[in-house]
Protein backbone atom coordinates (compact mmCIF):
# COMPACT_ATOMS: atom_id res chain seq x y z
CA MET A 1 -50.89 71.60 114.36
CA ALA A 2 -48.47 69.62 111.39
CA GLU A 3 -48.02 72.93 109.99
CA ALA A 4 -46.60 74.22 112.88
CA GLY A 5 -44.62 71.17 113.18
CA GLU A 6 -43.19 71.94 110.08
CA GLN A 7 -42.44 75.61 111.03
CA ILE A 8 -40.86 74.78 114.26
CA ARG A 9 -39.02 72.19 112.44
CA LYS A 10 -37.77 75.08 109.88
CA LEU A 11 -36.91 77.24 112.88
CA LYS A 12 -34.91 74.48 115.08
CA GLU A 13 -32.65 73.68 111.35
CA VAL A 14 -32.05 77.87 110.92
CA ILE A 15 -31.08 78.01 114.42
CA ALA A 16 -28.52 75.56 114.79
CA GLU A 17 -27.21 77.14 111.09
CA LYS A 18 -27.01 80.61 112.54
CA SER A 19 -25.16 78.34 115.48
CA LYS A 20 -22.67 77.41 113.41
CA ASP A 21 -22.14 80.42 111.64
CA LEU A 22 -22.02 82.22 115.00
CA ALA A 23 -19.47 79.73 116.61
CA ILE A 24 -17.51 80.36 113.23
CA LYS A 25 -17.28 84.45 113.90
CA ASN A 26 -17.13 83.44 117.83
CA GLU A 27 -13.88 81.86 116.64
CA LYS A 28 -12.41 84.61 114.30
CA LEU A 29 -13.37 86.76 116.72
CA ASN A 30 -10.92 85.08 119.75
CA GLU A 31 -8.31 84.81 117.33
CA LEU A 32 -8.49 88.36 116.16
CA LYS A 33 -8.80 89.58 120.03
CA LYS A 34 -5.58 87.49 120.49
CA VAL A 35 -3.87 89.73 117.49
CA ILE A 36 -5.17 92.65 118.73
CA GLU A 37 -3.48 91.71 122.07
CA VAL A 38 -0.18 90.81 120.88
CA GLU A 39 0.22 93.86 118.40
CA ALA A 40 -0.81 95.79 121.48
CA ALA A 41 1.81 94.77 123.75
CA ALA A 42 3.96 95.27 120.90
CA ALA A 43 2.75 98.61 120.93
CA THR A 44 2.90 99.41 124.28
CA GLU A 45 6.77 98.41 124.42
CA VAL A 46 7.38 100.94 121.40
CA LYS A 47 6.00 103.18 123.06
CA ARG A 48 7.85 102.90 126.25
CA VAL A 49 11.11 102.40 124.17
CA CYS A 50 10.04 105.95 122.71
CA GLU A 51 9.55 107.30 125.99
CA ILE A 52 12.97 106.66 127.21
CA ASP A 53 14.35 107.93 124.04
CA LYS A 54 12.45 110.95 124.53
CA ALA A 55 13.49 111.71 128.05
CA LYS A 56 17.14 110.66 126.69
CA CYS A 57 16.66 113.45 123.98
CA GLU A 58 15.52 115.92 126.70
CA GLU A 59 17.94 115.71 128.87
CA THR A 60 20.69 116.21 126.11
CA ALA A 61 18.64 119.17 124.70
CA ALA A 62 19.07 120.95 128.64
CA THR A 63 23.04 119.89 128.45
CA VAL A 64 23.40 121.39 124.79
CA ASN A 65 20.99 124.79 126.01
CA ALA A 66 23.39 125.02 129.30
CA GLU A 67 26.48 124.58 127.18
CA LYS A 68 25.06 126.72 124.64
CA ALA A 69 24.30 129.71 127.26
CA ILE A 70 27.51 129.78 129.09
CA CYS A 71 29.55 129.59 125.62
CA GLN A 72 27.28 133.03 124.60
CA ARG A 73 28.16 134.62 128.07
CA GLU A 74 31.90 133.76 127.31
CA MET A 75 31.71 135.41 123.66
CA GLU A 76 29.64 137.94 124.88
CA ALA A 77 32.56 139.00 127.28
CA ALA A 78 35.31 137.89 124.73
CA LEU A 79 33.82 140.40 121.96
CA PRO A 80 34.78 143.55 123.67
CA ILE A 81 38.35 142.60 124.02
CA LEU A 82 38.25 141.33 120.68
CA LYS A 83 36.92 145.01 119.84
CA ASP A 84 39.56 146.44 121.33
CA ALA A 85 43.05 144.48 119.81
CA THR A 86 41.30 145.07 116.35
CA GLN A 87 41.64 148.40 116.76
CA ALA A 88 44.64 148.46 118.47
CA LEU A 89 46.09 146.10 115.62
CA ASP A 90 44.67 149.16 112.84
CA LYS A 91 46.55 151.79 114.89
CA ILE A 92 49.98 149.92 114.08
CA LYS A 93 51.93 151.76 110.73
CA PRO A 94 54.35 150.00 108.39
CA ALA A 95 56.63 152.64 110.10
CA ASP A 96 56.60 151.16 113.26
CA ILE A 97 57.18 147.68 112.20
CA THR A 98 60.52 148.88 109.95
CA GLU A 99 61.46 150.49 113.71
CA LEU A 100 61.21 146.82 114.99
CA LYS A 101 63.09 145.39 112.49
CA GLY A 102 65.97 147.86 113.13
CA TYR A 103 66.30 146.78 116.73
CA GLY A 104 68.87 143.68 117.10
CA SER A 105 67.09 141.55 118.96
CA ILE A 106 63.60 141.78 120.50
CA ASP A 107 62.73 141.15 124.29
CA PRO A 108 60.59 137.74 124.29
CA ILE A 109 57.66 139.40 125.75
CA LEU A 110 57.68 141.20 122.54
CA GLN A 111 57.93 138.23 120.83
CA LEU A 112 55.29 136.39 122.74
CA ILE A 113 52.85 140.06 121.60
CA PHE A 114 53.59 139.35 117.70
CA ASP A 115 53.28 135.85 117.52
CA CYS A 116 50.17 136.38 119.63
CA VAL A 117 49.41 139.50 116.52
CA ALA A 118 50.21 136.42 114.40
CA ILE A 119 47.73 134.34 115.84
CA ILE A 120 44.88 136.38 115.37
CA LEU A 121 45.30 137.96 111.91
CA GLN A 122 45.69 134.11 111.16
CA LYS A 123 49.46 134.58 109.58
CA PRO A 124 52.29 131.84 110.03
CA LEU A 125 54.59 132.74 113.00
CA ILE A 126 58.24 133.78 112.19
CA ASP A 127 61.15 132.32 114.48
C-alpha cells in the first residue's frame, strides 16, 4: 500500500509538471493563433486590393482591345486608298513636274494636292 501511495504521488507530480507544460504550450498556441489571425486579415486585405486592381486592369484591357479593333478596321479601310495613292504617285514623271514648273501660277486646288503629296512623301512643303 505504501508503494502504491508513492506511485500515486509520483504520478501526481508528473501530471502537475505536464499540466504546467500544457498550460505554457496552450499560451504559446493562443499567441500563435492571434498572429495568424492578424496575418490572415492582412492577407485578406491584400487579396481585396489585388482583386480591385485586377478588375481595373481587365477593364483597361477591354477598352484597349476595343480601340485596337477600331484602329484595325480603320487601317484596313485606309490601306487600299494608300496603295492607290502610291501607285498614282509612281506614275508622275519628271516631265510632268517640269511642265508644272512652267506655269506662272498654280491653281489653289493643285497646290493643295501637291502639299498632300509632299506630306505623304514626307518632304518639306514649299511655298
